[in-house]
Amino acid sequence: MKDIRARLSILWVFATLNYIYADVFVCFDALGSNDVRSMFLHFSPGAWLGIAILMEIPMAMILLSWILKPEANRWANIVAGVIETLAVLFTQFIGPIFNLTTTTSYYLFFGTMEVPCTLLIVWYAWRWKSDAAVPIVTPSAN
């Protein structure tokens, strides 16, 4: 797999699946709570929108890693990777240290998978030379 776009896209798939599974675990964990309803209702509609945007970024990057032109692709991956890394570091590591958020062992496990993945995305994108991108070949009509 020599094409950097393929590597980036696959890394975004990996990150996205980890984000989704971590959130599924949270939902199952909440089902065992006596106060499930209040656990999800303490977020405002704006907070839910922010969460939705944060989850849409890695999903969009799976596609955008394939279709953006090299320079835009490089910067989109760097910016998205940094945003996602910071979000995970805050919610799963920094927030609990300062009692701003709480976490669980499984959430920390997922975080230890997600952070190196998004840092690898940033690293690949940072080192990407636009001439290293292999052009996507589409079948001709002839």
Protein backbone atom coordinates (compact mmCIF):
# COMPACT_ATOMS: atom_id res chain seq x y z
CA MET A 1 0.00 0.00 0.00
CA LYS A 2 2.17 2.79 -1.29
CA ASP A 3 -0.51 5.42 -1.61
CA ILE A 4 -0.58 7.69 1.43
CA ARG A 5 -4.30 8.33 0.87
CA ALA A 6 -5.09 4.67 1.42
CA ARG A 7 -3.02 4.59 4.62
CA LEU A 8 -4.74 7.68 5.97
CA SER A 9 -8.20 6.41 5.08
CA ILE A 10 -7.58 3.04 6.76
CA LEU A 11 -6.25 4.75 9.88
CA TRP A 12 -9.42 6.89 9.96
CA VAL A 13 -11.53 3.70 9.69
CA PHE A 14 -9.62 2.26 12.65
CA ALA A 15 -10.05 5.44 14.70
CA THR A 16 -13.75 5.72 13.82
CA LEU A 17 -14.48 2.13 14.83
CA ASN A 18 -12.72 2.71 18.16
CA TYR A 19 -14.74 5.90 18.76
CA ILE A 20 -17.98 4.10 17.96
CA TYR A 21 -17.22 1.05 20.10
CA ALA A 22 -16.16 3.24 23.04
CA ASP A 23 -19.48 5.08 22.82
CA VAL A 24 -21.44 1.82 22.50
CA PHE A 25 -19.74 0.60 25.67
CA VAL A 26 -20.74 3.83 27.43
CA CYS A 27 -24.36 3.25 26.37
CA PHE A 28 -24.32 -0.34 27.65
CA ASP A 29 -22.70 0.84 30.86
CA ALA A 30 -25.43 3.45 31.24
CA LEU A 31 -28.10 0.76 30.92
CA GLY A 32 -26.80 -0.72 34.16
CA SER A 33 -27.05 2.65 35.90
CA ASN A 34 -30.04 3.55 38.06
CA ASP A 35 -30.10 7.00 36.53
CA VAL A 36 -29.77 6.29 32.78
CA ARG A 37 -32.11 9.07 31.72
CA SER A 38 -30.30 11.84 33.58
CA MET A 39 -26.93 10.59 32.31
CA PHE A 40 -27.90 11.44 28.74
CA LEU A 41 -30.13 14.44 29.46
CA HIS A 42 -27.45 16.53 31.15
CA PHE A 43 -26.10 17.48 27.72
CA SER A 44 -27.60 20.54 26.05
CA PRO A 45 -28.68 20.43 22.39
CA GLY A 46 -25.55 22.47 21.58
CA ALA A 47 -23.35 19.93 23.36
CA TRP A 48 -24.99 17.11 21.38
CA LEU A 49 -24.30 19.06 18.18
CA GLY A 50 -20.65 19.41 19.20
CA ILE A 51 -20.46 15.68 19.90
CA ALA A 52 -22.03 14.96 16.51
CA ILE A 53 -19.52 17.19 14.73
CA LEU A 54 -16.64 15.59 16.63
CA MET A 55 -17.85 12.16 15.49
CA GLU A 56 -18.46 13.29 11.90
CA ILE A 57 -14.87 14.49 11.45
CA PRO A 58 -13.22 11.03 11.40
CA MET A 59 -16.06 9.57 9.32
CA ALA A 60 -15.70 12.35 6.75
CA MET A 61 -11.92 11.93 6.70
CA ILE A 62 -12.31 8.32 5.53
CA LEU A 63 -13.77 9.70 2.30
CA LEU A 64 -11.86 12.99 2.14
CA SER A 65 -8.53 11.16 2.40
CA TRP A 66 -9.33 9.64 -0.98
CA ILE A 67 -10.83 12.58 -2.85
CA LEU A 68 -9.09 15.78 -1.74
CA LYS A 69 -6.16 17.11 -3.75
CA PRO A 70 -2.81 16.36 -2.09
CA GLU A 71 -2.12 19.71 -0.38
CA ALA A 72 -5.69 20.13 0.91
CA ASN A 73 -5.68 16.46 1.90
CA ARG A 74 -2.47 16.85 3.84
CA TRP A 75 -3.74 19.83 5.82
CA ALA A 76 -7.20 18.34 6.38
CA ASN A 77 -5.61 15.23 7.89
CA ILE A 78 -3.27 17.27 10.07
CA VAL A 79 -6.05 19.51 11.39
CA ALA A 80 -8.57 16.68 11.86
CA GLY A 81 -5.94 14.47 13.50
CA VAL A 82 -4.96 17.20 15.96
CA ILE A 83 -8.62 17.98 16.81
CA GLU A 84 -9.46 14.33 17.42
CA THR A 85 -6.28 13.71 19.43
CA LEU A 86 -6.96 16.71 21.67
CA ALA A 87 -10.60 15.68 22.16
CA VAL A 88 -9.61 12.18 23.28
CA LEU A 89 -6.80 13.44 25.49
CA PHE A 90 -9.17 15.85 27.20
CA THR A 91 -12.17 13.55 27.64
CA GLN A 92 -10.28 10.42 28.62
CA PHE A 93 -7.08 11.59 30.26
CA ILE A 94 -6.83 15.31 31.15
CA GLY A 95 -10.46 15.88 32.21
CA PRO A 96 -10.46 13.08 34.81
CA ILE A 97 -7.17 14.29 36.30
CA PHE A 98 -8.76 17.68 37.07
CA ASN A 99 -12.18 16.19 37.95
CA LEU A 100 -13.76 17.85 34.90
CA THR A 101 -14.93 14.54 33.43
CA THR A 102 -15.02 10.92 34.51
CA THR A 103 -13.68 7.87 32.74
CA THR A 104 -13.66 4.09 32.95
CA SER A 105 -11.04 1.43 32.32
CA TYR A 106 -12.56 0.50 28.96
CA TYR A 107 -12.69 4.16 27.90
CA LEU A 108 -9.01 4.53 28.81
CA PHE A 109 -8.24 1.40 26.80
CA PHE A 110 -10.00 2.79 23.73
CA GLY A 111 -8.19 6.10 24.27
CA THR A 112 -4.84 4.34 24.26
CA MET A 113 -5.76 2.96 20.83
CA GLU A 114 -7.21 6.20 19.46
CA VAL A 115 -4.45 8.65 20.42
CA PRO A 116 -1.55 6.77 18.77
CA CYS A 117 -3.73 6.24 15.69
CA THR A 118 -4.58 9.92 15.27
CA LEU A 119 -0.99 10.92 16.04
CA LEU A 120 0.14 8.50 13.32
CA ILE A 121 -2.32 10.19 10.94
CA VAL A 122 -0.81 13.58 11.78
CA TRP A 123 2.71 12.19 11.37
CA TYR A 124 1.96 10.61 7.97
CA ALA A 125 0.23 13.76 6.76
CA TRP A 126 3.03 16.01 8.06
CA ARG A 127 5.67 13.97 6.22
CA TRP A 128 3.56 13.69 3.05
CA LYS A 129 5.15 15.15 -0.02
CA SER A 130 2.46 15.95 -2.59
CA ASP A 131 4.44 14.28 -5.37
CA ALA A 132 4.36 11.02 -3.38
CA ALA A 133 0.63 10.66 -3.95
CA VAL A 134 -0.13 8.03 -6.55
CA PRO A 135 -2.86 9.32 -8.86
CA ILE A 136 -6.19 7.52 -8.73
CA VAL A 137 -6.63 5.73 -12.02
CA THR A 138 -10.17 5.50 -13.32
CA PRO A 139 -11.12 3.16 -16.14
CA SER A 140 -11.45 4.91 -19.47
CA ALA A 141 -14.47 4.55 -21.72
CA ASN A 142 -12.31 3.24 -24.61
